[in-house]
């Protein structure tokens, strides 16, 4: 008789915690469905590149196919030649104007290119993506890298 009451108590204990676990999963699923657990809800979806010191990316657009348009400013006090642009460690292709690209101090340039690693569905967001510009200083050193991170939304 005593053994039956212990078994019944154990079963009631398990059933109670099972219902709690089911309720918790339902709540998390509802929060996910409503977008509360989406990082872009908390961090915004403005297109920006942070962490660069020699260059400033004033804006960029990226299409679902991976076509990228960069609006770039040379923030250095010297003329530079851009020799490469990398996203997630991979060089961008179909760069226009072609590389190497000369930029005077303070000069603005619009660069179009393609990244096979930044593609997706319209509305998808990304953040923490490594972005690098490889450049040479005219009349000075070679192979400098200005690195930062990208975040934004595919349009």
Protein backbone atom coordinates (compact mmCIF):
# COMPACT_ATOMS: atom_id res chain seq x y z
CA UNK A 1 0.00 0.00 0.00
CA UNK A 2 2.79 2.41 0.91
CA UNK A 3 4.55 1.63 -2.39
CA UNK A 4 1.40 2.54 -4.38
CA UNK A 5 1.24 6.01 -2.77
CA UNK A 6 4.92 6.68 -3.58
CA UNK A 7 4.37 5.66 -7.20
CA UNK A 8 1.28 7.85 -7.43
CA UNK A 9 3.22 10.79 -5.96
CA UNK A 10 6.03 10.28 -8.49
CA UNK A 11 3.57 10.16 -11.39
CA UNK A 12 1.80 13.33 -10.21
CA UNK A 13 5.20 15.05 -9.87
CA UNK A 14 6.15 14.11 -13.45
CA UNK A 15 2.78 15.15 -14.86
CA UNK A 16 2.92 18.53 -13.13
CA UNK A 17 6.39 19.29 -14.49
CA UNK A 18 5.44 17.99 -17.94
CA UNK A 19 2.58 20.51 -18.16
CA UNK A 20 4.94 23.26 -17.04
CA UNK A 21 7.43 22.27 -19.74
CA UNK A 22 4.70 22.24 -22.41
CA UNK A 23 3.52 25.70 -21.32
CA UNK A 24 7.11 27.02 -21.44
CA UNK A 25 7.62 25.70 -24.98
CA UNK A 26 4.31 27.27 -26.07
CA UNK A 27 5.33 30.65 -24.61
CA UNK A 28 8.74 30.56 -26.31
CA UNK A 29 7.11 29.58 -29.63
CA UNK A 30 4.67 32.50 -29.34
CA UNK A 31 7.50 34.95 -28.59
CA UNK A 32 9.46 33.66 -31.58
CA UNK A 33 6.42 33.92 -33.86
CA UNK A 34 5.79 37.51 -32.75
CA UNK A 35 9.42 38.45 -33.47
CA UNK A 36 10.41 39.22 -29.90
CA UNK A 37 13.36 36.81 -30.14
CA UNK A 38 14.64 38.30 -33.42
CA UNK A 39 17.94 40.19 -32.82
CA UNK A 40 17.07 42.82 -35.44
CA UNK A 41 14.13 43.87 -33.24
CA UNK A 42 16.58 44.95 -30.54
CA UNK A 43 19.53 46.16 -32.62
CA UNK A 44 17.74 47.86 -35.50
CA UNK A 45 18.13 47.13 -39.17
CA UNK A 46 19.91 50.21 -40.46
CA UNK A 47 22.66 49.37 -42.90
CA UNK A 48 25.97 50.31 -41.34
CA UNK A 49 29.62 49.36 -41.19
CA UNK A 50 31.37 50.06 -37.89
CA UNK A 51 34.97 49.78 -36.78
CA UNK A 52 36.70 51.24 -39.84
CA UNK A 53 39.40 53.85 -39.26
CA UNK A 54 40.71 54.80 -42.72
CA UNK A 55 37.43 54.66 -44.61
CA UNK A 56 33.80 55.50 -43.85
CA UNK A 57 30.91 53.61 -45.40
CA UNK A 58 28.14 56.20 -45.37
CA UNK A 59 25.58 53.66 -46.60
CA UNK A 60 25.24 50.44 -48.54
CA UNK A 61 22.52 48.41 -50.18
CA UNK A 62 22.49 44.69 -50.79
CA UNK A 63 20.12 42.77 -52.99
CA UNK A 64 18.99 39.19 -52.43
CA UNK A 65 21.24 38.07 -55.29
CA UNK A 66 24.33 39.35 -53.45
CA UNK A 67 24.78 42.55 -55.50
CA UNK A 68 26.25 45.16 -53.18
CA UNK A 69 26.49 48.94 -53.60
CA UNK A 70 28.89 50.72 -51.22
CA UNK A 71 29.01 54.47 -50.63
CA UNK A 72 32.59 54.93 -49.48
CA UNK A 73 34.60 57.94 -48.22
CA UNK A 74 38.38 58.09 -47.82
CA UNK A 75 38.72 59.40 -44.24
CA UNK A 76 42.52 59.31 -44.34
CA UNK A 77 44.61 62.43 -44.86
CA UNK A 78 46.51 60.78 -47.73
CA UNK A 79 45.71 59.39 -51.17
CA UNK A 80 45.13 55.62 -51.18
CA UNK A 81 44.67 52.87 -53.76
CA UNK A 82 42.06 50.27 -52.82
CA UNK A 83 43.35 46.89 -53.96
CA UNK A 84 40.67 44.63 -52.50
CA UNK A 85 37.38 44.47 -50.61
CA UNK A 86 36.46 41.38 -48.60
CA UNK A 87 33.29 40.25 -46.85
CA UNK A 88 33.54 37.26 -44.48
CA UNK A 89 37.13 36.83 -45.68
CA UNK A 90 36.15 36.34 -49.34
CA UNK A 91 37.05 38.89 -52.01
CA UNK A 92 34.16 40.63 -53.72
CA UNK A 93 33.76 40.06 -57.46
CA UNK A 94 32.58 42.20 -60.39
CA UNK A 95 33.88 45.34 -58.66
CA UNK A 96 33.07 48.54 -60.54
CA UNK A 97 35.01 50.77 -60.95
CA UNK A 98 37.75 48.17 -61.29
CA UNK A 99 40.48 47.73 -58.70
CA UNK A 100 42.96 49.18 -57.89
CA UNK A 101 40.84 52.23 -57.21
CA UNK A 102 42.53 55.54 -56.36
CA UNK A 103 40.88 57.79 -53.75
CA UNK A 104 41.98 61.26 -52.66
CA UNK A 105 41.52 62.41 -49.05
CA UNK A 106 37.83 63.07 -48.35
CA UNK A 107 36.75 61.72 -51.74
CA UNK A 108 33.40 59.92 -52.05
CA UNK A 109 33.03 56.89 -54.32
CA UNK A 110 30.16 54.59 -55.18
CA UNK A 111 31.34 51.03 -55.65
CA UNK A 112 29.20 48.20 -56.99
CA UNK A 113 30.22 44.59 -56.59
CA UNK A 114 28.97 41.08 -55.89
CA UNK A 115 29.30 38.87 -52.83
CA UNK A 116 28.41 35.20 -53.02
CA UNK A 117 28.29 35.10 -49.21
CA UNK A 118 25.78 37.92 -48.64
CA UNK A 119 22.66 36.72 -50.36
CA UNK A 120 19.21 35.82 -49.15
CA UNK A 121 15.58 36.77 -49.14
CA UNK A 122 14.39 40.37 -49.16
CA UNK A 123 13.89 41.46 -45.55
CA UNK A 124 16.51 39.10 -44.09
CA UNK A 125 18.80 40.79 -41.60
CA UNK A 126 22.44 40.12 -40.84
CA UNK A 127 24.86 41.41 -38.23
CA UNK A 128 28.44 40.87 -37.11
CA UNK A 129 29.68 40.24 -40.67
CA UNK A 130 33.42 40.86 -41.10
CA UNK A 131 34.19 43.60 -43.67
CA UNK A 132 37.70 44.51 -44.87
CA UNK A 133 39.21 47.02 -47.29
CA UNK A 134 42.77 46.31 -48.44
CA UNK A 135 44.65 49.38 -49.64
CA UNK A 136 48.04 50.91 -50.36
CA UNK A 137 49.09 54.43 -49.36
CA UNK A 138 50.27 56.36 -52.43
CA UNK A 139 53.97 57.13 -51.92
CA UNK A 140 54.02 55.03 -48.76
CA UNK A 141 53.32 51.60 -47.33
CA UNK A 142 51.57 48.73 -49.02
CA UNK A 143 49.08 46.10 -47.97
CA UNK A 144 47.16 47.88 -45.23
CA UNK A 145 43.83 46.47 -44.08
CA UNK A 146 40.97 48.48 -42.60
CA UNK A 147 38.55 46.06 -40.91
CA UNK A 148 35.12 46.43 -39.38
CA UNK A 149 31.74 44.74 -39.10
CA UNK A 150 28.59 45.08 -41.20
CA UNK A 151 24.97 44.78 -40.25
CA UNK A 152 21.84 45.51 -42.18
CA UNK A 153 18.91 44.27 -44.16
CA UNK A 154 18.67 42.71 -47.61
CA UNK A 155 16.52 44.87 -49.88
